[in-house]
Structure formats: structure tokens, C-alpha cells
């Protein structure tokens, strides 16, 4: 992913991109790129404008780059999330079975 190299993605939040690119929130400093939902030119334009606004604020942009580069999208991280999800599913299934 581009975040590893400090390049900030602008993506339509769909499929795997929706899982890996979190929209940047300047209020919290969270996020690692700019994402938009609707499949519309105006939505892309809005994401581009937001990205350019932060690009022209060097402190904000550098913070975004640092946060993005620290993102962990390795297979190990994905595998841990899947194991957590499966364990949660097992617990939910066991709980439902006890309540029937």
C-alpha cells in the first residue's frame, strides 16, 4: 500500500480500500488518506479538495504522512483481525446456543 512510502491515497471507499484507507479527520488526527463513498465526480472532487487543503498546511500534511506510514496493513495484522472475528463469532454462537 502507498502509505508505507508516505504517499497519501485518495480512494473511493469500496472493497479492500474501504478496509485499509481510513478517511483523515483533522480534528482527531486519525486516518491515513482521503476516502469518498458515492461513485460521483463531485465526491472525488471533494476528496481532492480536502487533500489539497491539508497538503498546503505542512504541519498537518507531515502529521498525516507519519500516521499513514505507521499504519500496519501486514498479513500478520489481517490474520490477527480474522482470528478475533472468528473468536467473536464462536462466542456469539455459543451464547445463542445456551439461550435456546
C-alpha atoms as a PDB file:
ATOM      1  CA  UNK A   1       0.000   0.000   0.000  1.00  0.00           C
ATOM      2  CA  UNK A   2       1.132   3.517  -0.752  1.00  0.00           C
ATOM      3  CA  UNK A   3       1.049   4.505   2.937  1.00  0.00           C
ATOM      4  CA  UNK A   4       4.194   2.512   3.565  1.00  0.00           C
ATOM      5  CA  UNK A   5       6.081   5.007   1.374  1.00  0.00           C
ATOM      6  CA  UNK A   6       4.409   8.134   2.708  1.00  0.00           C
ATOM      7  CA  UNK A   7       2.148   8.726  -0.269  1.00  0.00           C
ATOM      8  CA  UNK A   8      -1.358   9.622   0.784  1.00  0.00           C
ATOM      9  CA  UNK A   9      -4.132   7.796  -1.075  1.00  0.00           C
ATOM     10  CA  UNK A  10      -7.328   9.330  -2.388  1.00  0.00           C
ATOM     11  CA  UNK A  11      -9.748   6.466  -2.949  1.00  0.00           C
ATOM     12  CA  UNK A  12     -13.341   5.507  -3.411  1.00  0.00           C
ATOM     13  CA  UNK A  13     -14.201   3.555  -0.255  1.00  0.00           C
ATOM     14  CA  UNK A  14     -15.054   0.187  -1.742  1.00  0.00           C
ATOM     15  CA  UNK A  15     -13.802  -3.361  -1.237  1.00  0.00           C
ATOM     16  CA  UNK A  16     -10.362  -3.669   0.282  1.00  0.00           C
ATOM     17  CA  UNK A  17      -9.768   0.075   0.025  1.00  0.00           C
ATOM     18  CA  UNK A  18     -12.638   0.680   2.435  1.00  0.00           C
ATOM     19  CA  UNK A  19     -10.888  -1.654   4.877  1.00  0.00           C
ATOM     20  CA  UNK A  20      -7.426  -0.113   4.605  1.00  0.00           C
ATOM     21  CA  UNK A  21      -7.904   3.608   3.941  1.00  0.00           C
ATOM     22  CA  UNK A  22      -9.488   5.483   6.806  1.00  0.00           C
ATOM     23  CA  UNK A  23     -10.635   8.983   5.917  1.00  0.00           C
ATOM     24  CA  UNK A  24      -8.447  11.615   7.553  1.00  0.00           C
ATOM     25  CA  UNK A  25     -10.111  13.576  10.352  1.00  0.00           C
ATOM     26  CA  UNK A  26      -8.121  16.737  11.115  1.00  0.00           C
ATOM     27  CA  UNK A  27      -9.903  17.200  14.462  1.00  0.00           C
ATOM     28  CA  UNK A  28      -8.570  13.914  15.832  1.00  0.00           C
ATOM     29  CA  UNK A  29      -5.545  13.375  13.583  1.00  0.00           C
ATOM     30  CA  UNK A  30      -6.879   9.910  12.803  1.00  0.00           C
ATOM     31  CA  UNK A  31      -6.921   8.437   9.315  1.00  0.00           C
ATOM     32  CA  UNK A  32      -4.371   7.597   6.673  1.00  0.00           C
ATOM     33  CA  UNK A  33      -5.836   9.012   3.473  1.00  0.00           C
ATOM     34  CA  UNK A  34      -8.865  10.563   1.855  1.00  0.00           C
ATOM     35  CA  UNK A  35     -11.866   8.434   1.011  1.00  0.00           C
ATOM     36  CA  UNK A  36     -15.179   9.143  -0.609  1.00  0.00           C
ATOM     37  CA  UNK A  37     -18.287   6.951  -0.920  1.00  0.00           C
ATOM     38  CA  UNK A  38     -20.551   7.873  -3.828  1.00  0.00           C
ATOM     39  CA  UNK A  39     -19.479   6.905  -7.327  1.00  0.00           C
ATOM     40  CA  UNK A  40     -19.697  10.516  -8.454  1.00  0.00           C
ATOM     41  CA  UNK A  41     -17.280  13.067  -9.853  1.00  0.00           C
ATOM     42  CA  UNK A  42     -18.308  15.598  -7.215  1.00  0.00           C
ATOM     43  CA  UNK A  43     -17.416  13.185  -4.400  1.00  0.00           C
ATOM     44  CA  UNK A  44     -13.954  12.637  -5.922  1.00  0.00           C
ATOM     45  CA  UNK A  45     -13.570  16.384  -6.336  1.00  0.00           C
ATOM     46  CA  UNK A  46     -14.436  16.915  -2.664  1.00  0.00           C
ATOM     47  CA  UNK A  47     -11.801  14.392  -1.564  1.00  0.00           C
ATOM     48  CA  UNK A  48      -9.214  16.077  -3.802  1.00  0.00           C
ATOM     49  CA  UNK A  49     -10.031  19.498  -2.362  1.00  0.00           C
ATOM     50  CA  UNK A  50      -9.713  18.166   1.211  1.00  0.00           C
ATOM     51  CA  UNK A  51      -6.377  16.558   0.357  1.00  0.00           C
ATOM     52  CA  UNK A  52      -5.050  19.755  -1.234  1.00  0.00           C
ATOM     53  CA  UNK A  53      -6.165  21.835   1.754  1.00  0.00           C
ATOM     54  CA  UNK A  54      -4.038  19.674   4.035  1.00  0.00           C
ATOM     55  CA  UNK A  55      -1.176  19.468   1.556  1.00  0.00           C
ATOM     56  CA  UNK A  56      -0.875  23.257   1.772  1.00  0.00           C
ATOM     57  CA  UNK A  57      -0.580  23.037   5.578  1.00  0.00           C
ATOM     58  CA  UNK A  58       2.870  21.456   6.032  1.00  0.00           C
ATOM     59  CA  UNK A  59       2.449  20.569   9.719  1.00  0.00           C
ATOM     60  CA  UNK A  60      -0.889  18.887   9.088  1.00  0.00           C
ATOM     61  CA  UNK A  61       0.413  17.082   5.992  1.00  0.00           C
ATOM     62  CA  UNK A  62       3.543  15.806   7.751  1.00  0.00           C
ATOM     63  CA  UNK A  63       1.433  14.520  10.635  1.00  0.00           C
ATOM     64  CA  UNK A  64      -0.796  12.708   8.158  1.00  0.00           C
ATOM     65  CA  UNK A  65       2.236  11.193   6.423  1.00  0.00           C
ATOM     66  CA  UNK A  66       3.692   9.990   9.738  1.00  0.00           C
ATOM     67  CA  UNK A  67       0.367   8.492  10.799  1.00  0.00           C
ATOM     68  CA  UNK A  68      -0.085   6.821   7.411  1.00  0.00           C
ATOM     69  CA  UNK A  69       3.428   5.338   7.447  1.00  0.00           C
ATOM     70  CA  UNK A  70       2.752   3.875  10.883  1.00  0.00           C
ATOM     71  CA  UNK A  71      -0.357   2.052   9.623  1.00  0.00           C
ATOM     72  CA  UNK A  72       0.003  -1.717   9.815  1.00  0.00           C
ATOM     73  CA  UNK A  73      -1.545  -3.483   6.844  1.00  0.00           C
ATOM     74  CA  UNK A  74       0.620  -6.577   7.012  1.00  0.00           C
ATOM     75  CA  UNK A  75      -0.762 -10.086   6.628  1.00  0.00           C
ATOM     76  CA  UNK A  76       0.026 -10.646  10.309  1.00  0.00           C
ATOM     77  CA  UNK A  77      -2.284  -7.782  11.296  1.00  0.00           C
ATOM     78  CA  UNK A  78      -5.003  -9.053   8.949  1.00  0.00           C
ATOM     79  CA  UNK A  79      -4.659 -12.578  10.323  1.00  0.00           C
ATOM     80  CA  UNK A  80      -4.983 -11.296  13.911  1.00  0.00           C
ATOM     81  CA  UNK A  81      -8.181  -9.438  12.985  1.00  0.00           C
ATOM     82  CA  UNK A  82      -9.613 -12.573  11.354  1.00  0.00           C
ATOM     83  CA  UNK A  83      -8.799 -14.663  14.430  1.00  0.00           C
ATOM     84  CA  UNK A  84     -10.512 -12.043  16.628  1.00  0.00           C
ATOM     85  CA  UNK A  85     -13.535 -12.078  14.340  1.00  0.00           C
ATOM     86  CA  UNK A  86     -13.764 -15.882  14.376  1.00  0.00           C
ATOM     87  CA  UNK A  87     -13.470 -15.964  18.174  1.00  0.00           C
ATOM     88  CA  UNK A  88     -16.220 -13.377  18.463  1.00  0.00           C
ATOM     89  CA  UNK A  89     -18.384 -15.465  16.127  1.00  0.00           C
ATOM     90  CA  UNK A  90     -17.772 -18.597  18.184  1.00  0.00           C
ATOM     91  CA  UNK A  91     -18.666 -16.777  21.420  1.00  0.00           C
ATOM     92  CA  UNK A  92     -21.821 -15.373  19.836  1.00  0.00           C
ATOM     93  CA  UNK A  93     -22.815 -18.818  18.566  1.00  0.00           C
ATOM     94  CA  UNK A  94     -22.172 -20.443  21.950  1.00  0.00           C
ATOM     95  CA  UNK A  95     -24.144 -17.698  23.727  1.00  0.00           C
ATOM     96  CA  UNK A  96     -27.082 -18.112  21.345  1.00  0.00           C
ATOM     97  CA  UNK A  97     -26.986 -21.905  21.802  1.00  0.00           C
ATOM     98  CA  UNK A  98     -27.111 -21.546  25.609  1.00  0.00           C
ATOM     99  CA  UNK A  99     -30.085 -19.190  25.384  1.00  0.00           C
ATOM    100  CA  UNK A 100     -32.226 -21.528  23.305  1.00  0.00           C
END
